Amino acid sequence: MITALDHIAIAVPDLKKAIERFMQDFGLPFEGTEDVAEAKTSTAFFPLPPTSIELVHPLDGGGPIAKYLEKKGGGLHHLCFRSDNIEEDIARLKEKGYQFLSDGPILGAHNSLAIFIHPKSCDGVLIEINQPAGDHH
């Protein structure tokens, strides 16, 4: 079951500059960065419980975020919903005809399980579902 809006991800061309903006200009609490090799991203986290803002930037210049930035130059990338049983949610949504970008969940930031729903299943919005580490059954 979906339990919360886990995070809102923003693709940024300059990670350092964006971190400074959210920290200094907006005064948000900065939780640090993490490279997610699987997704080819460098991410920065700003927790605003019960949700957070995640800045995503290409790791080593490649991957899907690099392509997104080439096309759009930055912007809102995806919404992520938190799940307490990701396998159940995937099965339920597949039954309803939702298309996913992978066969099953992959390991995401903070060792969470994560899967993305194809934007054409959600009116052009990329939606991620994740299950935090420690909530895995």
N, C-alpha and C. Protein backbone atom coordinates (compact mmCIF):
# COMPACT_ATOMS: atom_id res chain seq x y z
N MET A 1 0.84 -1.19 0.00
CA MET A 1 0.00 0.00 0.00
C MET A 1 0.88 1.25 0.00
N ILE A 2 0.47 2.26 -0.76
CA ILE A 2 1.19 3.53 -0.79
C ILE A 2 0.92 4.24 0.54
N THR A 3 1.99 4.67 1.21
CA THR A 3 1.83 5.26 2.54
C THR A 3 2.22 6.73 2.64
N ALA A 4 3.00 7.25 1.66
CA ALA A 4 3.46 8.63 1.75
C ALA A 4 4.05 9.09 0.43
N LEU A 5 4.21 10.40 0.28
CA LEU A 5 5.00 10.94 -0.82
C LEU A 5 6.44 10.91 -0.31
N ASP A 6 7.23 10.00 -0.84
CA ASP A 6 8.59 9.81 -0.33
C ASP A 6 9.49 10.98 -0.70
N HIS A 7 9.52 11.33 -2.00
CA HIS A 7 10.31 12.50 -2.41
C HIS A 7 9.86 13.04 -3.75
N ILE A 8 10.30 14.26 -4.01
CA ILE A 8 10.13 14.92 -5.30
C ILE A 8 11.54 15.09 -5.84
N ALA A 9 11.79 14.58 -7.05
CA ALA A 9 13.15 14.65 -7.61
C ALA A 9 13.24 15.73 -8.68
N ILE A 10 14.30 16.51 -8.60
CA ILE A 10 14.55 17.59 -9.55
C ILE A 10 15.89 17.32 -10.23
N ALA A 11 15.86 17.28 -11.56
CA ALA A 11 17.10 17.09 -12.32
C ALA A 11 17.81 18.43 -12.41
N VAL A 12 19.10 18.43 -12.05
CA VAL A 12 19.86 19.69 -12.04
C VAL A 12 21.15 19.58 -12.84
N PRO A 13 21.44 20.61 -13.66
CA PRO A 13 22.67 20.58 -14.45
C PRO A 13 23.94 20.83 -13.61
N ASP A 14 23.81 21.58 -12.51
CA ASP A 14 24.96 21.88 -11.66
C ASP A 14 24.59 21.53 -10.21
N LEU A 15 25.07 20.36 -9.76
CA LEU A 15 24.66 19.85 -8.45
C LEU A 15 25.11 20.76 -7.31
N LYS A 16 26.38 21.21 -7.36
CA LYS A 16 26.93 22.04 -6.29
C LYS A 16 26.12 23.34 -6.13
N LYS A 17 25.84 23.97 -7.27
CA LYS A 17 25.09 25.23 -7.27
C LYS A 17 23.67 25.00 -6.73
N ALA A 18 23.04 23.89 -7.14
CA ALA A 18 21.68 23.59 -6.69
C ALA A 18 21.65 23.30 -5.19
N ILE A 19 22.67 22.58 -4.69
CA ILE A 19 22.75 22.29 -3.25
C ILE A 19 22.84 23.60 -2.48
N GLU A 20 23.70 24.50 -2.94
CA GLU A 20 23.84 25.81 -2.28
C GLU A 20 22.53 26.59 -2.29
N ARG A 21 21.81 26.53 -3.40
CA ARG A 21 20.52 27.24 -3.51
C ARG A 21 19.55 26.72 -2.45
N PHE A 22 19.38 25.40 -2.36
CA PHE A 22 18.42 24.84 -1.42
C PHE A 22 18.86 25.02 0.04
N MET A 23 20.16 24.98 0.27
CA MET A 23 20.67 25.17 1.64
C MET A 23 20.62 26.63 2.06
N GLN A 24 21.28 27.49 1.25
CA GLN A 24 21.45 28.88 1.66
C GLN A 24 20.24 29.75 1.35
N ASP A 25 19.72 29.65 0.12
CA ASP A 25 18.62 30.53 -0.27
C ASP A 25 17.29 30.10 0.36
N PHE A 26 17.03 28.79 0.37
CA PHE A 26 15.76 28.29 0.91
C PHE A 26 15.88 27.81 2.35
N GLY A 27 17.11 27.69 2.86
CA GLY A 27 17.32 27.29 4.25
C GLY A 27 16.88 25.88 4.60
N LEU A 28 16.94 24.97 3.62
CA LEU A 28 16.51 23.59 3.88
C LEU A 28 17.63 22.78 4.53
N PRO A 29 17.27 21.81 5.37
CA PRO A 29 18.30 20.96 5.99
C PRO A 29 18.89 20.01 4.96
N PHE A 30 20.21 20.04 4.83
CA PHE A 30 20.92 19.21 3.84
C PHE A 30 21.39 17.93 4.51
N GLU A 31 20.97 16.79 3.93
CA GLU A 31 21.30 15.49 4.53
C GLU A 31 22.54 14.84 3.91
N GLY A 32 23.04 15.40 2.81
CA GLY A 32 24.23 14.82 2.19
C GLY A 32 23.94 14.31 0.79
N THR A 33 24.96 13.73 0.18
CA THR A 33 24.84 13.22 -1.18
C THR A 33 25.13 11.74 -1.21
N GLU A 34 24.68 11.09 -2.28
CA GLU A 34 24.97 9.68 -2.48
C GLU A 34 25.04 9.42 -3.97
N ASP A 35 26.05 8.66 -4.41
CA ASP A 35 26.11 8.24 -5.80
C ASP A 35 25.37 6.92 -5.90
N VAL A 36 24.42 6.84 -6.86
CA VAL A 36 23.67 5.61 -7.08
C VAL A 36 24.11 5.06 -8.44
N ALA A 37 25.11 4.17 -8.40
CA ALA A 37 25.72 3.65 -9.62
C ALA A 37 24.68 3.00 -10.54
N GLU A 38 23.77 2.24 -9.94
CA GLU A 38 22.72 1.52 -10.69
C GLU A 38 21.90 2.48 -11.56
N ALA A 39 21.62 3.66 -11.03
CA ALA A 39 20.80 4.64 -11.76
C ALA A 39 21.66 5.68 -12.48
N LYS A 40 23.00 5.59 -12.31
CA LYS A 40 23.95 6.55 -12.89
C LYS A 40 23.64 7.98 -12.45
N THR A 41 23.36 8.15 -11.15
CA THR A 41 23.06 9.48 -10.65
C THR A 41 23.88 9.82 -9.41
N SER A 42 24.14 11.10 -9.24
CA SER A 42 24.60 11.65 -7.97
C SER A 42 23.37 12.34 -7.41
N THR A 43 23.05 12.04 -6.16
CA THR A 43 21.83 12.61 -5.58
C THR A 43 22.17 13.39 -4.32
N ALA A 44 21.39 14.42 -4.07
CA ALA A 44 21.52 15.22 -2.85
C ALA A 44 20.15 15.25 -2.19
N PHE A 45 20.12 15.13 -0.86
CA PHE A 45 18.86 14.98 -0.15
C PHE A 45 18.58 16.14 0.81
N PHE A 46 17.34 16.61 0.77
CA PHE A 46 16.87 17.66 1.67
C PHE A 46 15.58 17.17 2.33
N PRO A 47 15.68 16.56 3.52
CA PRO A 47 14.49 16.03 4.16
C PRO A 47 13.54 17.13 4.64
N LEU A 48 12.26 16.98 4.31
CA LEU A 48 11.19 17.86 4.78
C LEU A 48 10.08 16.94 5.24
N PRO A 49 10.27 16.29 6.40
CA PRO A 49 9.36 15.22 6.81
C PRO A 49 7.88 15.60 6.68
N PRO A 50 7.05 14.65 6.20
CA PRO A 50 7.38 13.25 5.93
C PRO A 50 7.90 13.00 4.52
N THR A 51 8.25 14.07 3.78
CA THR A 51 8.76 13.88 2.42
C THR A 51 10.17 14.45 2.33
N SER A 52 10.75 14.48 1.15
CA SER A 52 12.04 15.14 0.96
C SER A 52 12.19 15.57 -0.49
N ILE A 53 13.11 16.49 -0.70
CA ILE A 53 13.45 16.91 -2.06
C ILE A 53 14.77 16.25 -2.38
N GLU A 54 14.85 15.67 -3.57
CA GLU A 54 16.06 14.96 -4.00
C GLU A 54 16.55 15.63 -5.28
N LEU A 55 17.79 16.10 -5.27
CA LEU A 55 18.37 16.66 -6.49
C LEU A 55 19.11 15.54 -7.19
N VAL A 56 18.88 15.36 -8.48
CA VAL A 56 19.56 14.29 -9.22
C VAL A 56 20.39 14.88 -10.34
N HIS A 57 21.60 14.36 -10.47
CA HIS A 57 22.59 14.85 -11.42
C HIS A 57 23.31 13.64 -12.00
N PRO A 58 23.68 13.69 -13.29
CA PRO A 58 24.34 12.52 -13.88
C PRO A 58 25.64 12.16 -13.17
N LEU A 59 25.83 10.87 -12.93
CA LEU A 59 27.08 10.36 -12.36
C LEU A 59 28.00 10.09 -13.53
N ASP A 60 29.19 10.67 -13.52
CA ASP A 60 30.16 10.51 -14.62
C ASP A 60 29.60 10.91 -15.98
N GLY A 61 28.66 11.85 -15.98
CA GLY A 61 28.17 12.40 -17.24
C GLY A 61 27.25 11.54 -18.09
N GLY A 62 26.85 10.34 -17.60
CA GLY A 62 26.01 9.47 -18.43
C GLY A 62 24.69 9.15 -17.79
N GLY A 63 23.94 8.27 -18.45
CA GLY A 63 22.69 7.77 -17.89
C GLY A 63 21.47 8.58 -18.24
N PRO A 64 20.31 8.15 -17.73
CA PRO A 64 19.05 8.78 -18.10
C PRO A 64 18.92 10.25 -17.69
N ILE A 65 19.55 10.65 -16.58
CA ILE A 65 19.46 12.05 -16.16
C ILE A 65 20.23 12.95 -17.14
N ALA A 66 21.35 12.45 -17.65
CA ALA A 66 22.12 13.21 -18.65
C ALA A 66 21.26 13.47 -19.88
N LYS A 67 20.53 12.43 -20.33
CA LYS A 67 19.66 12.58 -21.50
C LYS A 67 18.54 13.58 -21.21
N TYR A 68 17.98 13.50 -20.00
CA TYR A 68 16.91 14.41 -19.61
C TYR A 68 17.40 15.86 -19.63
N LEU A 69 18.60 16.09 -19.08
CA LEU A 69 19.15 17.44 -19.02
C LEU A 69 19.46 17.98 -20.43
N GLU A 70 19.93 17.09 -21.32
CA GLU A 70 20.20 17.49 -22.70
C GLU A 70 18.92 18.00 -23.35
N LYS A 71 17.84 17.27 -23.11
CA LYS A 71 16.56 17.63 -23.72
C LYS A 71 15.90 18.83 -23.06
N LYS A 72 15.90 18.86 -21.73
CA LYS A 72 15.10 19.85 -21.00
C LYS A 72 15.91 20.87 -20.22
N GLY A 73 17.20 20.61 -19.99
CA GLY A 73 18.03 21.57 -19.26
C GLY A 73 17.76 21.62 -17.76
N GLY A 74 17.01 20.66 -17.24
CA GLY A 74 16.69 20.64 -15.81
C GLY A 74 15.20 20.73 -15.60
N GLY A 75 14.75 20.38 -14.40
CA GLY A 75 13.33 20.49 -14.09
C GLY A 75 12.85 19.35 -13.22
N LEU A 76 11.54 19.34 -12.97
CA LEU A 76 10.93 18.32 -12.13
C LEU A 76 11.09 16.98 -12.85
N HIS A 77 11.72 16.00 -12.22
CA HIS A 77 12.00 14.73 -12.88
C HIS A 77 11.00 13.65 -12.54
N HIS A 78 10.75 13.41 -11.25
CA HIS A 78 9.74 12.41 -10.89
C HIS A 78 9.19 12.62 -9.49
N LEU A 79 8.05 12.01 -9.23
CA LEU A 79 7.47 11.93 -7.90
C LEU A 79 7.69 10.50 -7.42
N CYS A 80 8.01 10.35 -6.15
CA CYS A 80 8.20 9.01 -5.61
C CYS A 80 7.24 8.76 -4.46
N PHE A 81 6.47 7.68 -4.57
CA PHE A 81 5.58 7.27 -3.51
C PHE A 81 6.23 6.18 -2.69
N ARG A 82 6.09 6.25 -1.37
CA ARG A 82 6.63 5.23 -0.47
C ARG A 82 5.61 4.10 -0.33
N SER A 83 6.10 2.88 -0.34
CA SER A 83 5.24 1.71 -0.22
C SER A 83 5.68 0.87 0.96
N ASP A 84 4.73 0.19 1.60
CA ASP A 84 5.11 -0.73 2.68
C ASP A 84 5.16 -2.17 2.17
N ASN A 85 4.78 -2.37 0.88
CA ASN A 85 4.89 -3.69 0.25
C ASN A 85 4.96 -3.49 -1.26
N ILE A 86 6.17 -3.26 -1.75
CA ILE A 86 6.37 -2.88 -3.15
C ILE A 86 5.92 -3.98 -4.12
N GLU A 87 6.19 -5.24 -3.77
CA GLU A 87 5.80 -6.34 -4.67
C GLU A 87 4.28 -6.36 -4.87
N GLU A 88 3.54 -6.16 -3.78
CA GLU A 88 2.08 -6.13 -3.83
C GLU A 88 1.59 -4.97 -4.69
N ASP A 89 2.20 -3.79 -4.50
CA ASP A 89 1.80 -2.63 -5.28
C ASP A 89 2.10 -2.81 -6.77
N ILE A 90 3.24 -3.41 -7.08
CA ILE A 90 3.60 -3.65 -8.49
C ILE A 90 2.58 -4.59 -9.12
N ALA A 91 2.26 -5.68 -8.42
CA ALA A 91 1.30 -6.67 -8.94
C ALA A 91 -0.06 -6.02 -9.18
N ARG A 92 -0.51 -5.23 -8.22
CA ARG A 92 -1.82 -4.57 -8.31
C ARG A 92 -1.87 -3.60 -9.49
N LEU A 93 -0.79 -2.81 -9.65
CA LEU A 93 -0.76 -1.82 -10.73
C LEU A 93 -0.60 -2.48 -12.10
N LYS A 94 0.18 -3.56 -12.16
CA LYS A 94 0.33 -4.30 -13.43
C LYS A 94 -1.02 -4.84 -13.87
N GLU A 95 -1.81 -5.36 -12.92
CA GLU A 95 -3.15 -5.86 -13.21
C GLU A 95 -4.03 -4.78 -13.80
N LYS A 96 -3.81 -3.55 -13.38
CA LYS A 96 -4.60 -2.43 -13.88
C LYS A 96 -4.05 -1.90 -15.21
N GLY A 97 -2.97 -2.51 -15.70
CA GLY A 97 -2.44 -2.13 -17.01
C GLY A 97 -1.29 -1.14 -16.99
N TYR A 98 -0.77 -0.82 -15.81
CA TYR A 98 0.36 0.10 -15.74
C TYR A 98 1.61 -0.58 -16.31
N GLN A 99 2.40 0.21 -17.05
CA GLN A 99 3.66 -0.30 -17.59
C GLN A 99 4.81 0.23 -16.75
N PHE A 100 5.77 -0.64 -16.48
CA PHE A 100 6.93 -0.27 -15.66
C PHE A 100 8.18 -0.22 -16.53
N LEU A 101 9.19 0.49 -16.07
CA LEU A 101 10.44 0.62 -16.83
C LEU A 101 11.41 -0.52 -16.58
N SER A 102 11.09 -1.39 -15.62
CA SER A 102 11.92 -2.58 -15.37
C SER A 102 10.98 -3.71 -14.96
N ASP A 103 11.50 -4.95 -15.01
CA ASP A 103 10.67 -6.11 -14.67
C ASP A 103 10.33 -6.15 -13.19
N GLY A 104 11.27 -5.70 -12.37
CA GLY A 104 11.05 -5.72 -10.93
C GLY A 104 11.83 -4.59 -10.29
N PRO A 105 11.71 -4.45 -8.97
CA PRO A 105 12.40 -3.36 -8.28
C PRO A 105 13.92 -3.55 -8.28
N ILE A 106 14.63 -2.42 -8.32
CA ILE A 106 16.10 -2.44 -8.22
C ILE A 106 16.48 -1.74 -6.92
N LEU A 107 17.75 -1.85 -6.55
CA LEU A 107 18.25 -1.18 -5.35
C LEU A 107 18.47 0.30 -5.66
N GLY A 108 17.85 1.17 -4.87
CA GLY A 108 17.99 2.61 -5.07
C GLY A 108 18.81 3.23 -3.95
N ALA A 109 18.72 4.56 -3.84
CA ALA A 109 19.43 5.29 -2.79
C ALA A 109 18.98 4.78 -1.41
N HIS A 110 19.85 4.87 -0.43
CA HIS A 110 19.59 4.43 0.95
C HIS A 110 19.19 2.94 1.02
N ASN A 111 19.65 2.13 0.04
CA ASN A 111 19.31 0.70 0.01
C ASN A 111 17.82 0.41 -0.05
N SER A 112 17.06 1.34 -0.63
CA SER A 112 15.63 1.09 -0.78
C SER A 112 15.40 0.28 -2.05
N LEU A 113 14.25 -0.40 -2.12
CA LEU A 113 13.84 -1.05 -3.36
C LEU A 113 13.04 -0.03 -4.14
N ALA A 114 13.29 0.06 -5.46
CA ALA A 114 12.63 1.10 -6.25
C ALA A 114 12.26 0.59 -7.64
N ILE A 115 11.15 1.09 -8.14
CA ILE A 115 10.73 0.79 -9.52
C ILE A 115 10.04 2.03 -10.08
N PHE A 116 10.15 2.22 -11.39
CA PHE A 116 9.52 3.37 -12.05
C PHE A 116 8.38 2.92 -12.94
N ILE A 117 7.30 3.71 -12.93
CA ILE A 117 6.16 3.48 -13.81
C ILE A 117 6.39 4.33 -15.06
N HIS A 118 6.14 3.76 -16.23
CA HIS A 118 6.32 4.49 -17.48
C HIS A 118 5.45 5.76 -17.48
N PRO A 119 6.04 6.91 -17.87
CA PRO A 119 5.27 8.16 -17.86
C PRO A 119 3.97 8.08 -18.68
N LYS A 120 3.95 7.27 -19.74
CA LYS A 120 2.72 7.25 -20.55
C LYS A 120 1.57 6.56 -19.81
N SER A 121 1.88 5.86 -18.71
CA SER A 121 0.81 5.29 -17.87
C SER A 121 0.25 6.32 -16.89
N CYS A 122 0.91 7.48 -16.76
CA CYS A 122 0.52 8.47 -15.74
C CYS A 122 0.47 9.89 -16.30
N ASP A 123 -0.13 10.04 -17.48
CA ASP A 123 -0.28 11.38 -18.09
C ASP A 123 1.03 12.14 -18.21
N GLY A 124 2.10 11.44 -18.55
CA GLY A 124 3.37 12.11 -18.81
C GLY A 124 4.23 12.35 -17.59
N VAL A 125 3.79 11.89 -16.41
CA VAL A 125 4.59 12.07 -15.19
C VAL A 125 5.31 10.77 -14.87
N LEU A 126 6.62 10.87 -14.64
CA LEU A 126 7.40 9.70 -14.23
C LEU A 126 7.16 9.50 -12.73
N ILE A 127 6.69 8.31 -12.36
CA ILE A 127 6.42 8.03 -10.96
C ILE A 127 7.25 6.84 -10.50
N GLU A 128 7.90 7.03 -9.36
CA GLU A 128 8.69 5.97 -8.74
C GLU A 128 7.92 5.47 -7.53
N ILE A 129 8.02 4.17 -7.28
CA ILE A 129 7.51 3.62 -6.02
C ILE A 129 8.72 3.03 -5.32
N ASN A 130 8.89 3.33 -4.03
CA ASN A 130 10.02 2.72 -3.32
C ASN A 130 9.59 2.21 -1.96
N GLN A 131 10.37 1.24 -1.51
CA GLN A 131 10.16 0.66 -0.19
C GLN A 131 11.47 0.82 0.57
N PRO A 132 11.48 1.65 1.62
CA PRO A 132 12.72 1.91 2.34
C PRO A 132 13.37 0.65 2.91
N ALA A 133 14.69 0.67 3.02
CA ALA A 133 15.41 -0.42 3.67
C ALA A 133 14.85 -0.56 5.08
N GLY A 134 14.75 -1.78 5.55
CA GLY A 134 14.18 -1.98 6.88
C GLY A 134 12.70 -2.30 6.79
N ASP A 135 12.08 -1.91 5.65
CA ASP A 135 10.68 -2.25 5.42
C ASP A 135 10.55 -3.45 4.48
N HIS A 136 11.71 -4.00 4.02
CA HIS A 136 11.66 -5.13 3.10
C HIS A 136 11.18 -6.36 3.85
N HIS A 137 10.26 -7.11 3.23
CA HIS A 137 9.72 -8.31 3.87
C HIS A 137 10.56 -9.53 3.53
